[in-house]
Amino acid sequence: MTKHKCRMAEGDPNAQMTKVAGDGSSFRFVHSFVTRHSSFAIHSAFHSSANRVAALFMKLLFCYSSRIHVISTAHLNRAGGFLLAANHISHFDPFIISSVVRRKIDWMAMAEFFPYPALGFFLRAVDAFPADRNRADRKTIRSAIQRLKSGRIVGLFPEGGIRDGARSVLDGAPLRAGASTLAHIAGVPILPCVIVGSDRLYSKKRWLPIRRTPVWIAFGNPIQHFPDLEKSAARACIERELAAAFKCLYTELRERFSLTPDDLPHPPRERMSE
């Protein structure tokens, strides 16, 4: 009786179809799994290669065009995720700063840059991500927090754009709340950075051979995110310490390198006409 039933099951077309369907489902799962992981591996390899090539290119480019002086690097290559907050005086700033930091920096870049095909492709390839300067974008905030919590460096310019003179945080202008908000939510410190001299690279004369425009960069001490304070109080403390750090680093650069008024930040259009 048992053998008869087994033979019937073997000869039953429905049973065979079920077996084939099961095998097909398993194949689709394995294929999907392999495809997904292969795509991830290719994506990771591409970004890794793009970052290495970009880092080498930036080092060579700014070694040719500039003499970069860096001070206070004790906390520069610390482990774990943190925000790198810098003043902003030219479009060259993120590339120059990245060229002197061994670890990769994921920069928050102006959303206006990404619709341009070539520029947008390059920025995404080096793990930059778009940020809207006029409103708080939840997608940008989520991306920044995810990167910070995974141990990466996120770079941003808390002034919200290129600034000089009275509009600059270096001369006491107020900071935007983005840096303090991200630091508090992600639970990471902020490393302040001041850059001076990069605005002179807007002048074509500064790219002549052997000219090598001096650029000065200073990094400060990490500013903690004040986890024991209520959100608004923590943000206020972070912003106060960050603003003070910018002023101190700016003063240190001016005094240590005897910077002249011409060395200090000027508007891009003014530099272009030099």
Protein backbone atom coordinates (compact mmCIF):
# COMPACT_ATOMS: atom_id res chain seq x y z
CA MET A 1 0.00 0.00 0.00
CA THR A 2 2.78 2.42 0.91
CA LYS A 3 4.76 1.60 -2.21
CA HIS A 4 1.63 2.10 -4.32
CA LYS A 5 1.08 5.56 -2.85
CA CYS A 6 4.69 6.50 -3.44
CA ARG A 7 4.41 5.48 -7.08
CA MET A 8 1.24 7.53 -7.43
CA ALA A 9 2.99 10.56 -5.95
CA GLU A 10 5.93 10.11 -8.30
CA GLY A 11 3.59 9.93 -11.24
CA ASP A 12 1.35 12.77 -10.07
CA PRO A 13 1.88 15.78 -12.41
CA ASN A 14 0.71 18.19 -9.69
CA ALA A 15 3.41 16.97 -7.33
CA GLN A 16 6.02 17.34 -10.06
CA MET A 17 4.83 20.88 -10.86
CA THR A 18 5.03 21.81 -7.18
CA LYS A 19 8.60 20.49 -7.07
CA VAL A 20 9.54 22.46 -10.21
CA ALA A 21 7.89 25.60 -8.83
CA GLY A 22 9.80 25.17 -5.58
CA ASP A 23 13.07 24.76 -7.45
CA GLY A 24 12.29 27.86 -9.56
CA SER A 25 11.53 29.91 -6.46
CA SER A 26 14.82 28.83 -4.86
CA PHE A 27 16.70 29.73 -8.04
CA ARG A 28 15.08 33.18 -8.17
CA PHE A 29 15.99 33.81 -4.52
CA VAL A 30 19.62 32.76 -5.05
CA HIS A 31 19.84 34.81 -8.26
CA SER A 32 18.36 37.87 -6.54
CA PHE A 33 20.71 37.45 -3.56
CA VAL A 34 23.80 37.09 -5.77
CA THR A 35 22.76 40.02 -7.99
CA ARG A 36 22.10 42.26 -5.01
CA HIS A 37 25.43 41.49 -3.35
CA SER A 38 27.33 41.72 -6.64
CA SER A 39 25.82 45.17 -7.26
CA PHE A 40 26.78 46.26 -3.75
CA ALA A 41 30.35 45.00 -4.23
CA ILE A 42 30.66 46.77 -7.60
CA HIS A 43 29.16 49.95 -6.12
CA SER A 44 31.56 49.86 -3.16
CA ALA A 45 34.56 49.16 -5.37
CA PHE A 46 33.63 52.01 -7.69
CA HIS A 47 33.29 54.53 -4.85
CA SER A 48 36.51 53.33 -3.25
CA SER A 49 38.41 53.68 -6.53
CA ALA A 50 36.82 57.05 -7.29
CA ASN A 51 37.81 58.38 -3.88
CA ARG A 52 41.40 57.18 -4.25
CA VAL A 53 41.74 58.73 -7.71
CA ALA A 54 40.12 62.00 -6.59
CA ALA A 55 42.33 62.19 -3.48
CA LEU A 56 45.49 61.65 -5.53
CA PHE A 57 44.41 64.18 -8.14
CA MET A 58 43.63 66.83 -5.49
CA LYS A 59 46.97 66.30 -3.78
CA LEU A 60 48.83 66.70 -7.06
CA LEU A 61 46.73 69.69 -8.16
CA PHE A 62 47.09 71.68 -4.95
CA CYS A 63 50.70 70.67 -4.50
CA TYR A 64 51.27 72.30 -7.89
CA SER A 65 49.14 75.40 -7.27
CA SER A 66 49.53 76.04 -3.53
CA ARG A 67 51.74 75.93 -0.47
CA ILE A 68 49.43 74.61 2.22
CA HIS A 69 50.33 75.34 5.84
CA VAL A 70 48.45 73.23 8.38
CA ILE A 71 48.49 73.64 12.16
CA SER A 72 46.82 71.91 15.13
CA THR A 73 46.40 68.46 13.59
CA ALA A 74 46.32 66.47 16.84
CA HIS A 75 42.63 65.52 16.49
CA LEU A 76 42.49 65.51 12.71
CA ASN A 77 42.54 61.76 12.08
CA ARG A 78 40.72 60.61 15.20
CA ALA A 79 38.70 57.40 14.96
CA GLY A 80 34.92 57.30 14.74
CA GLY A 81 32.36 59.57 13.18
CA PHE A 82 32.44 63.33 13.60
CA LEU A 83 31.41 66.54 11.89
CA LEU A 84 34.08 68.70 10.30
CA ALA A 85 32.77 72.28 10.29
CA ALA A 86 34.72 74.89 8.33
CA ASN A 87 34.36 78.50 7.27
CA HIS A 88 33.73 78.94 3.55
CA ILE A 89 35.63 81.46 1.40
CA SER A 90 35.87 79.68 -1.99
CA HIS A 91 34.68 76.72 -4.03
CA PHE A 92 38.15 75.21 -3.59
CA ASP A 93 37.75 74.78 0.19
CA PRO A 94 36.38 71.20 0.40
CA PHE A 95 39.00 69.90 -2.04
CA ILE A 96 41.92 71.60 -0.29
CA ILE A 97 40.77 70.50 3.17
CA SER A 98 40.24 66.93 1.94
CA SER A 99 43.76 66.90 0.49
CA VAL A 100 45.32 67.33 3.96
CA VAL A 101 43.06 64.87 5.83
CA ARG A 102 44.01 61.20 5.59
CA ARG A 103 40.47 59.96 6.21
CA LYS A 104 37.76 60.42 3.60
CA ILE A 105 35.28 63.26 4.14
CA ASP A 106 31.68 63.03 2.91
CA TRP A 107 30.89 66.66 2.09
CA MET A 108 27.45 68.21 2.19
CA ALA A 109 27.37 70.11 -1.12
CA MET A 110 24.95 72.66 -2.55
CA ALA A 111 21.96 70.91 -4.13
CA GLU A 112 22.27 73.29 -7.11
CA PHE A 113 25.44 71.47 -8.24
CA PHE A 114 23.91 68.01 -8.64
CA PRO A 115 21.63 68.56 -11.69
CA TYR A 116 24.73 69.19 -13.85
CA PRO A 117 25.48 65.69 -15.23
CA ALA A 118 29.30 65.68 -15.07
CA LEU A 119 29.56 67.59 -11.79
CA GLY A 120 26.73 65.62 -10.18
CA PHE A 121 28.34 62.32 -11.21
CA PHE A 122 31.70 63.40 -9.77
CA LEU A 123 30.20 64.58 -6.47
CA ARG A 124 28.24 61.36 -5.97
CA ALA A 125 31.29 59.30 -6.91
CA VAL A 126 33.27 60.85 -4.03
CA ASP A 127 30.32 60.36 -1.63
CA ALA A 128 29.24 63.99 -1.44
CA PHE A 129 25.50 64.46 -0.97
CA PRO A 130 23.14 67.37 -1.71
CA ALA A 131 21.99 69.88 0.88
CA ASP A 132 19.36 72.55 0.36
CA ARG A 133 20.64 75.85 1.78
CA ASN A 134 17.15 77.34 2.12
CA ARG A 135 15.33 74.66 4.10
CA ALA A 136 15.89 71.66 6.36
CA ASP A 137 15.75 68.62 4.07
CA ARG A 138 14.86 65.40 5.93
CA LYS A 139 16.59 63.22 3.35
CA THR A 140 19.84 65.17 3.78
CA ILE A 141 19.58 65.02 7.56
CA ARG A 142 18.93 61.25 7.53
CA SER A 143 21.86 60.67 5.17
CA ALA A 144 24.22 62.75 7.33
CA ILE A 145 23.16 61.03 10.56
CA GLN A 146 23.48 57.56 8.99
CA ARG A 147 27.00 58.35 7.80
CA LEU A 148 28.04 59.80 11.16
CA LYS A 149 26.69 56.85 13.12
CA SER A 150 28.54 54.44 10.82
CA GLY A 151 31.81 56.13 11.81
CA ARG A 152 32.38 58.43 8.83
CA ILE A 153 33.40 62.09 8.68
CA VAL A 154 30.76 64.49 7.36
CA GLY A 155 32.03 67.88 6.24
CA LEU A 156 29.86 70.99 6.12
CA PHE A 157 30.03 74.78 6.03
CA PRO A 158 27.75 76.16 8.77
CA GLU A 159 27.72 79.64 7.21
CA GLY A 160 25.46 78.30 4.44
CA GLY A 161 27.61 79.60 1.58
CA ILE A 162 30.74 81.54 0.67
CA ARG A 163 31.21 84.44 3.08
CA ASP A 164 33.75 87.19 3.71
CA GLY A 165 34.02 90.29 5.89
CA ALA A 166 31.11 91.05 8.20
CA ARG A 167 29.05 88.21 6.70
CA SER A 168 31.66 85.64 7.78
CA VAL A 169 31.68 83.70 11.02
CA LEU A 170 35.35 84.71 11.27
CA ASP A 171 34.18 88.26 11.90
CA GLY A 172 31.33 87.35 14.22
CA ALA A 173 28.44 86.57 11.86
CA PRO A 174 25.93 84.06 13.30
CA LEU A 175 26.10 80.36 12.45
CA ARG A 176 23.27 78.35 11.00
CA ALA A 177 21.85 75.69 13.30
CA GLY A 178 22.56 72.70 11.03
CA ALA A 179 25.90 71.67 12.55
CA SER A 180 24.72 71.80 16.15
CA THR A 181 21.51 69.93 15.29
CA LEU A 182 23.32 67.11 13.49
CA ALA A 183 25.96 66.76 16.20
CA HIS A 184 23.35 66.52 18.96
CA ILE A 185 21.07 64.06 17.12
CA ALA A 186 23.90 61.81 15.90
CA GLY A 187 25.78 62.04 19.20
CA VAL A 188 29.12 62.98 17.64
CA PRO A 189 31.64 65.80 18.22
CA ILE A 190 32.36 68.70 15.87
CA LEU A 191 35.91 69.43 14.73
CA PRO A 192 36.23 73.13 13.82
CA CYS A 193 38.40 74.15 10.87
CA VAL A 194 39.45 77.57 9.55
CA ILE A 195 40.87 78.03 6.05
CA VAL A 196 42.41 81.26 4.73
CA GLY A 197 43.96 82.07 1.35
CA SER A 198 42.01 79.73 -0.94
CA ASP A 199 39.95 82.62 -2.33
CA ARG A 200 43.04 83.92 -4.17
CA LEU A 201 42.89 80.86 -6.42
CA TYR A 202 40.02 82.56 -8.27
CA SER A 203 42.69 84.67 -9.98
CA LYS A 204 44.06 83.04 -13.15
CA LYS A 205 47.52 84.41 -12.33
CA ARG A 206 47.61 82.22 -9.23
CA TRP A 207 47.67 79.09 -11.42
CA LEU A 208 50.82 80.06 -13.29
CA PRO A 209 53.76 77.62 -12.89
CA ILE A 210 55.89 78.04 -9.75
CA ARG A 211 53.50 80.69 -8.37
CA ARG A 212 52.17 78.44 -5.57
CA THR A 213 49.64 80.49 -3.62
CA PRO A 214 49.91 80.08 0.16
CA VAL A 215 46.87 78.62 1.94
CA TRP A 216 46.60 78.35 5.71
CA ILE A 217 44.45 75.81 7.57
CA ALA A 218 43.94 75.34 11.31
CA PHE A 219 42.00 72.59 13.08
CA GLY A 220 40.65 73.03 16.61
CA ASN A 221 39.75 70.76 19.50
CA PRO A 222 36.62 68.57 19.23
CA ILE A 223 33.44 70.19 20.54
CA GLN A 224 31.25 67.70 22.38
CA HIS A 225 27.53 67.32 21.71
CA PHE A 226 26.41 67.85 25.34
CA PRO A 227 24.28 64.67 25.69
CA ASP A 228 23.15 65.56 29.23
CA LEU A 229 21.48 68.81 28.16
CA GLU A 230 18.03 69.36 26.72
CA LYS A 231 18.02 69.75 22.92
CA SER A 232 17.78 73.54 22.64
CA ALA A 233 20.28 74.10 25.46
CA ALA A 234 22.73 71.63 23.89
CA ARG A 235 22.48 73.35 20.51
CA ALA A 236 23.08 76.74 22.08
CA CYS A 237 26.21 75.47 23.86
CA ILE A 238 27.54 73.81 20.70
CA GLU A 239 26.99 76.95 18.60
CA ARG A 240 28.61 79.17 21.22
CA GLU A 241 31.70 76.96 21.45
CA LEU A 242 31.93 76.54 17.69
CA ALA A 243 31.74 80.30 17.06
CA ALA A 244 34.43 80.90 19.70
CA ALA A 245 36.64 78.20 18.14
CA PHE A 246 36.40 79.81 14.70
CA LYS A 247 37.51 83.17 16.10
CA CYS A 248 40.40 81.64 18.08
CA LEU A 249 41.70 79.64 15.11
CA TYR A 250 41.41 82.67 12.83
CA THR A 251 43.38 84.78 15.32
CA GLU A 252 45.99 82.03 15.68
CA LEU A 253 46.53 81.87 11.91
CA ARG A 254 46.84 85.66 11.56
CA GLU A 255 49.33 85.96 14.39
CA ARG A 256 51.39 82.85 13.68
CA PHE A 257 51.87 83.58 9.97
CA SER A 258 51.73 87.41 10.18
CA LEU A 259 48.93 87.51 7.62
CA THR A 260 48.37 90.80 5.78
CA PRO A 261 45.00 92.32 4.85
CA ASP A 262 45.47 90.93 1.33
CA ASP A 263 45.83 87.41 2.76
CA LEU A 264 42.45 87.62 4.48
CA PRO A 265 39.17 86.61 2.75
CA HIS A 266 37.90 88.78 -0.13
CA PRO A 267 34.81 88.40 -2.34
CA PRO A 268 35.31 85.95 -5.25
CA ARG A 269 34.55 88.59 -7.90
CA GLU A 270 37.22 90.85 -6.43
CA ARG A 271 39.76 88.02 -6.55
CA MET A 272 38.86 87.15 -10.14
CA SER A 273 39.76 90.65 -11.28
CA GLU A 274 43.24 90.56 -9.74
